[in-house]
């Protein structure tokens, strides 16, 4: 088991308190304003291919993340989620896959060993140590558990270190080749600019999001690098966009906020939820 590393700090450790905190993220004015209905049409196709969600403490980014998870709940839930996270600790120089199940205060989340096996045939390495203290994937799991309820769910957590664009692009292409046409959701975890005055942060974040919604991995990476935008998850998002390259898709920013929306502060961290979906027929 990969045991919780940030329960009690980024989100509550007590299961009942955690459920209430998750519900509050959905119901808050900063969130979608409603709980997931659980009434999706089981026959209709799921329109979401992928998403980008923040990973700060729930007080700050939870309502922003809830916008994406509310959208996810509106369609049939894909049985597998590929989570792409940040290597905040510099734990590795390679794609690191968690090959154990995950434990959260809400219970166990199963890791799909078949997908792990596919990814560790030359593309990634199974590396539990790299995942041991990293929060960027862990904080997304209770949201998935809350939305999925009793619907079967398996995940594969992949930690993405910062590397050159050619390396990240190659990793994204490798993911797509390894996973083929599996019915899964790609979910990248990233905050945006860090600890800037609010006006500067919003200007920088607008530039990053403008590139992200074009779905061009190269443009996003170049803009973040050249303009010094402190988007911590540019590596996993670059891998995500590289994996989707050539796939008909459209991106939509569901919510953008910063930490000063949660409580007054002079320097802020930016957060966004982005949904990447199949285009509507005829659009």
Protein backbone atom coordinates (compact mmCIF):
# COMPACT_ATOMS: atom_id res chain seq x y z
CA UNK A 1 0.00 0.00 0.00
CA UNK A 2 1.04 3.57 -0.66
CA UNK A 3 0.02 5.15 2.64
CA UNK A 4 -1.27 8.74 2.93
CA UNK A 5 1.51 11.31 3.25
CA UNK A 6 -0.48 14.56 3.55
CA UNK A 7 -3.73 13.52 5.28
CA UNK A 8 -4.23 15.93 8.14
CA UNK A 9 -2.50 18.79 6.34
CA UNK A 10 -3.70 19.14 2.75
CA UNK A 11 -7.03 17.48 3.59
CA UNK A 12 -8.68 16.01 6.72
CA UNK A 13 -7.51 12.70 8.13
CA UNK A 14 -10.86 11.73 9.65
CA UNK A 15 -13.11 10.03 7.05
CA UNK A 16 -16.33 11.80 8.03
CA UNK A 17 -14.62 15.17 8.21
CA UNK A 18 -13.05 14.49 4.81
CA UNK A 19 -16.44 13.65 3.26
CA UNK A 20 -17.84 16.91 4.62
CA UNK A 21 -14.83 18.84 3.29
CA UNK A 22 -15.30 17.32 -0.17
CA UNK A 23 -19.01 18.11 -0.16
CA UNK A 24 -18.17 21.67 0.86
CA UNK A 25 -15.80 21.98 -2.12
CA UNK A 26 -18.66 21.10 -4.48
CA UNK A 27 -21.32 23.16 -2.74
CA UNK A 28 -19.23 26.27 -2.10
CA UNK A 29 -19.87 29.47 -4.11
CA UNK A 30 -16.31 29.08 -5.44
CA UNK A 31 -17.13 25.53 -6.51
CA UNK A 32 -19.74 24.23 -8.96
CA UNK A 33 -22.45 24.91 -6.37
CA UNK A 34 -23.86 21.40 -6.28
CA UNK A 35 -22.92 17.86 -5.37
CA UNK A 36 -22.26 15.30 -8.11
CA UNK A 37 -25.65 13.89 -9.04
CA UNK A 38 -24.62 10.34 -9.82
CA UNK A 39 -27.35 10.32 -12.49
CA UNK A 40 -25.26 10.15 -15.65
CA UNK A 41 -26.71 8.37 -18.64
CA UNK A 42 -24.97 4.95 -18.57
CA UNK A 43 -25.39 4.55 -22.33
CA UNK A 44 -24.17 7.98 -23.46
CA UNK A 45 -20.43 8.21 -24.24
CA UNK A 46 -18.16 9.99 -21.79
CA UNK A 47 -17.09 13.21 -23.51
CA UNK A 48 -14.05 13.84 -21.32
CA UNK A 49 -10.67 12.64 -22.53
CA UNK A 50 -8.54 14.37 -19.94
CA UNK A 51 -8.30 17.12 -17.39
CA UNK A 52 -5.93 19.38 -15.52
CA UNK A 53 -6.68 20.01 -11.83
CA UNK A 54 -4.86 21.79 -8.98
CA UNK A 55 -3.36 20.09 -5.95
CA UNK A 56 -3.10 22.56 -3.07
CA UNK A 57 -4.84 22.18 0.28
CA UNK A 58 -8.59 21.81 -0.10
CA UNK A 59 -9.24 25.18 1.54
CA UNK A 60 -7.47 26.87 -1.36
CA UNK A 61 -7.83 24.77 -4.49
CA UNK A 62 -10.51 22.24 -3.56
CA UNK A 63 -13.47 24.23 -4.95
CA UNK A 64 -11.55 24.81 -8.19
CA UNK A 65 -10.80 21.09 -8.56
CA UNK A 66 -14.45 20.30 -7.82
CA UNK A 67 -15.48 22.00 -11.08
CA UNK A 68 -13.65 19.32 -13.05
CA UNK A 69 -14.86 16.42 -10.94
CA UNK A 70 -18.45 17.68 -11.21
CA UNK A 71 -18.09 17.69 -14.99
CA UNK A 72 -16.64 14.19 -14.88
CA UNK A 73 -19.67 12.97 -12.92
CA UNK A 74 -22.05 13.99 -15.70
CA UNK A 75 -21.05 11.13 -17.99
CA UNK A 76 -20.30 7.43 -17.57
CA UNK A 77 -17.23 7.14 -15.37
CA UNK A 78 -14.19 5.65 -17.10
CA UNK A 79 -13.00 2.59 -15.20
CA UNK A 80 -9.36 3.68 -15.21
CA UNK A 81 -7.67 7.01 -14.45
CA UNK A 82 -4.05 7.71 -15.38
CA UNK A 83 -2.77 10.30 -12.92
CA UNK A 84 0.18 12.45 -13.97
CA UNK A 85 1.80 14.29 -11.09
CA UNK A 86 4.62 16.67 -10.22
CA UNK A 87 7.97 15.64 -8.80
CA UNK A 88 8.12 18.39 -6.15
CA UNK A 89 10.95 16.67 -4.26
CA UNK A 90 13.31 15.91 -7.15
CA UNK A 91 12.95 12.25 -6.35
CA UNK A 92 13.81 10.89 -9.80
CA UNK A 93 14.86 11.73 -13.33
CA UNK A 94 12.53 9.21 -14.98
CA UNK A 95 8.81 8.52 -15.20
CA UNK A 96 8.03 6.88 -11.88
CA UNK A 97 5.02 4.57 -11.59
CA UNK A 98 3.40 3.64 -8.29
CA UNK A 99 2.89 -0.12 -8.44
CA UNK A 100 1.03 -0.41 -5.11
CA UNK A 101 -2.57 0.31 -4.21
CA UNK A 102 -3.25 3.69 -2.60
CA UNK A 103 -4.80 4.18 0.80
CA UNK A 104 -6.74 7.30 1.75
CA UNK A 105 -8.97 7.98 4.76
CA UNK A 106 -11.88 6.90 2.51
CA UNK A 107 -10.37 3.48 1.82
CA UNK A 108 -8.28 1.73 -0.79
CA UNK A 109 -7.89 2.78 -4.42
CA UNK A 110 -6.72 -0.10 -6.59
CA UNK A 111 -3.74 0.31 -8.89
CA UNK A 112 -4.16 -1.38 -12.27
CA UNK A 113 -1.23 -3.81 -12.44
CA UNK A 114 -1.84 -4.56 -16.12
CA UNK A 115 -1.33 -0.90 -17.03
CA UNK A 116 1.70 -0.72 -14.72
CA UNK A 117 3.16 -3.68 -16.60
CA UNK A 118 2.59 -1.98 -19.95
CA UNK A 119 4.27 1.23 -18.80
CA UNK A 120 7.28 -0.45 -17.23
CA UNK A 121 8.29 -2.20 -20.44
CA UNK A 122 10.92 0.40 -21.24
CA UNK A 123 8.96 3.65 -20.78
CA UNK A 124 8.73 4.09 -16.99
CA UNK A 125 10.05 2.53 -13.80
CA UNK A 126 8.15 1.21 -10.81
CA UNK A 127 9.43 3.46 -8.04
CA UNK A 128 7.48 3.57 -4.78
CA UNK A 129 10.13 5.71 -3.09
CA UNK A 130 9.52 8.53 -5.56
CA UNK A 131 5.83 8.56 -4.61
CA UNK A 132 6.20 8.19 -0.86
CA UNK A 133 5.98 11.90 0.11
CA UNK A 134 4.53 13.46 -3.06
CA UNK A 135 1.15 15.15 -2.61
CA UNK A 136 0.19 16.10 -6.17
CA UNK A 137 -1.56 12.80 -6.91
CA UNK A 138 -2.65 11.89 -3.40
CA UNK A 139 -4.92 14.93 -3.03
CA UNK A 140 -6.87 13.97 -6.17
CA UNK A 141 -7.77 10.48 -4.93
CA UNK A 142 -10.44 11.45 -2.37
CA UNK A 143 -12.18 13.51 -5.08
CA UNK A 144 -12.24 10.45 -7.33
CA UNK A 145 -13.52 8.26 -4.48
CA UNK A 146 -16.23 10.81 -3.68
CA UNK A 147 -17.42 10.96 -7.31
CA UNK A 148 -17.11 7.25 -8.09
CA UNK A 149 -18.78 5.98 -4.92
CA UNK A 150 -19.41 2.28 -5.58
CA UNK A 151 -18.53 2.51 -9.29
CA UNK A 152 -15.40 0.41 -10.00
CA UNK A 153 -12.23 2.51 -10.22
CA UNK A 154 -8.58 1.72 -10.75
CA UNK A 155 -5.76 4.19 -11.15
CA UNK A 156 -2.14 4.36 -12.22
CA UNK A 157 -0.07 7.11 -10.63
CA UNK A 158 2.82 8.42 -12.72
CA UNK A 159 5.21 11.04 -11.36
CA UNK A 160 6.77 13.27 -14.04
CA UNK A 161 10.05 15.08 -13.31
CA UNK A 162 10.91 18.29 -15.13
CA UNK A 163 12.89 17.52 -18.28
CA UNK A 164 13.55 18.99 -21.72
CA UNK A 165 10.63 19.28 -24.10
CA UNK A 166 11.86 16.47 -26.42
CA UNK A 167 12.02 14.09 -23.44
CA UNK A 168 8.56 15.02 -22.13
CA UNK A 169 7.09 14.82 -25.63
CA UNK A 170 8.63 11.39 -26.14
CA UNK A 171 7.19 10.21 -22.82
CA UNK A 172 3.73 11.43 -23.79
CA UNK A 173 3.89 9.71 -27.15
CA UNK A 174 5.10 6.57 -25.38
CA UNK A 175 2.12 6.63 -23.04
CA UNK A 176 -0.25 6.81 -25.95
CA UNK A 177 1.48 3.94 -27.74
CA UNK A 178 1.51 1.79 -24.61
CA UNK A 179 -2.10 2.44 -23.63
CA UNK A 180 -3.70 2.43 -27.09
CA UNK A 181 -7.46 2.90 -27.14
CA UNK A 182 -8.13 1.94 -23.51
CA UNK A 183 -11.18 3.54 -21.94
CA UNK A 184 -9.33 5.70 -19.46
CA UNK A 185 -9.10 9.29 -18.33
CA UNK A 186 -5.81 11.20 -18.37
CA UNK A 187 -5.63 13.56 -15.37
CA UNK A 188 -2.67 15.91 -14.88
CA UNK A 189 -2.15 17.66 -11.56
CA UNK A 190 -0.76 21.21 -11.55
CA UNK A 191 -1.01 24.54 -9.81
CA UNK A 192 -0.18 27.70 -11.76
CA UNK A 193 1.98 30.68 -10.76
CA UNK A 194 3.40 30.71 -7.23
CA UNK A 195 3.68 33.54 -4.70
CA UNK A 196 3.31 36.55 -6.98
CA UNK A 197 1.33 39.74 -6.41
CA UNK A 198 -2.18 39.00 -7.57
CA UNK A 199 -2.11 41.16 -10.68
CA UNK A 200 1.17 39.59 -11.85
CA UNK A 201 -0.09 36.10 -11.09
CA UNK A 202 -3.29 36.57 -13.06
CA UNK A 203 -1.40 37.96 -16.03
CA UNK A 204 1.06 35.03 -16.02
CA UNK A 205 -1.66 32.45 -15.52
CA UNK A 206 -3.71 33.86 -18.38
CA UNK A 207 -0.70 33.37 -20.65
CA UNK A 208 -0.23 29.77 -19.53
CA UNK A 209 -3.91 28.90 -19.88
CA UNK A 210 -4.08 30.58 -23.28
CA UNK A 211 -1.41 28.16 -24.49
CA UNK A 212 -2.87 25.16 -22.68
CA UNK A 213 -6.29 25.43 -24.31
CA UNK A 214 -4.69 25.31 -27.77
CA UNK A 215 -3.63 21.75 -26.78
CA UNK A 216 -0.12 22.40 -28.10
CA UNK A 217 2.41 20.81 -25.79
CA UNK A 218 5.25 22.69 -27.50
CA UNK A 219 3.56 26.09 -27.16
CA UNK A 220 2.75 25.57 -23.49
CA UNK A 221 6.25 24.40 -22.60
CA UNK A 222 7.89 27.22 -24.58
CA UNK A 223 5.70 29.92 -23.08
CA UNK A 224 6.20 28.73 -19.50
CA UNK A 225 9.95 28.49 -19.99
CA UNK A 226 10.50 31.74 -21.91
CA UNK A 227 8.22 33.84 -19.71
CA UNK A 228 9.32 32.31 -16.42
CA UNK A 229 5.81 31.23 -15.40
CA UNK A 230 6.06 29.24 -12.16
CA UNK A 231 3.59 26.55 -13.18
CA UNK A 232 4.77 23.61 -11.10
CA UNK A 233 3.07 20.96 -13.24
CA UNK A 234 4.23 22.05 -16.67
CA UNK A 235 5.99 18.67 -17.04
CA UNK A 236 2.94 16.42 -16.43
CA UNK A 237 0.70 18.72 -18.47
CA UNK A 238 3.22 18.66 -21.35
CA UNK A 239 3.21 14.86 -21.19
CA UNK A 240 -0.60 14.86 -21.18
CA UNK A 241 -0.86 17.14 -24.22
CA UNK A 242 1.80 15.10 -26.02
CA UNK A 243 -0.19 11.91 -25.38
CA UNK A 244 -3.28 13.55 -26.91
CA UNK A 245 -1.46 15.00 -29.90
CA UNK A 246 -3.48 14.41 -33.06
CA UNK A 247 -6.61 13.39 -31.14
CA UNK A 248 -9.65 15.53 -32.01
CA UNK A 249 -10.30 17.44 -28.81
CA UNK A 250 -11.29 20.78 -27.34
CA UNK A 251 -10.18 22.32 -24.05
CA UNK A 252 -12.22 24.51 -21.73
CA UNK A 253 -11.17 26.37 -18.59
CA UNK A 254 -13.92 25.48 -16.10
CA UNK A 255 -12.64 27.63 -13.26
CA UNK A 256 -9.70 29.92 -12.53
CA UNK A 257 -9.05 31.31 -9.05
CA UNK A 258 -6.15 32.06 -6.76
CA UNK A 259 -5.40 31.56 -3.10
CA UNK A 260 -6.56 35.09 -2.21
CA UNK A 261 -10.07 33.97 -3.15
CA UNK A 262 -9.88 31.70 -0.11
CA UNK A 263 -8.34 34.16 2.35
CA UNK A 264 -6.63 37.56 2.13
CA UNK A 265 -2.95 37.46 1.17
CA UNK A 266 -0.50 39.69 -0.68
CA UNK A 267 1.11 36.98 -2.80
CA UNK A 268 -0.95 34.24 -4.33
CA UNK A 269 -0.88 30.84 -6.00
CA UNK A 270 -3.03 30.34 -9.10
CA UNK A 271 -5.35 27.38 -9.70
CA UNK A 272 -7.39 26.21 -12.67
CA UNK A 273 -9.57 23.28 -13.69
CA UNK A 274 -9.40 22.46 -17.38
CA UNK A 275 -11.58 19.89 -19.15
CA UNK A 276 -10.38 18.33 -22.41
CA UNK A 277 -13.21 16.65 -24.27
CA UNK A 278 -14.14 15.11 -27.53
CA UNK A 279 -15.61 17.73 -29.87
CA UNK A 280 -19.38 17.82 -30.21
CA UNK A 281 -20.50 16.23 -33.51
CA UNK A 282 -20.82 18.93 -36.11
CA UNK A 283 -18.76 21.45 -34.13
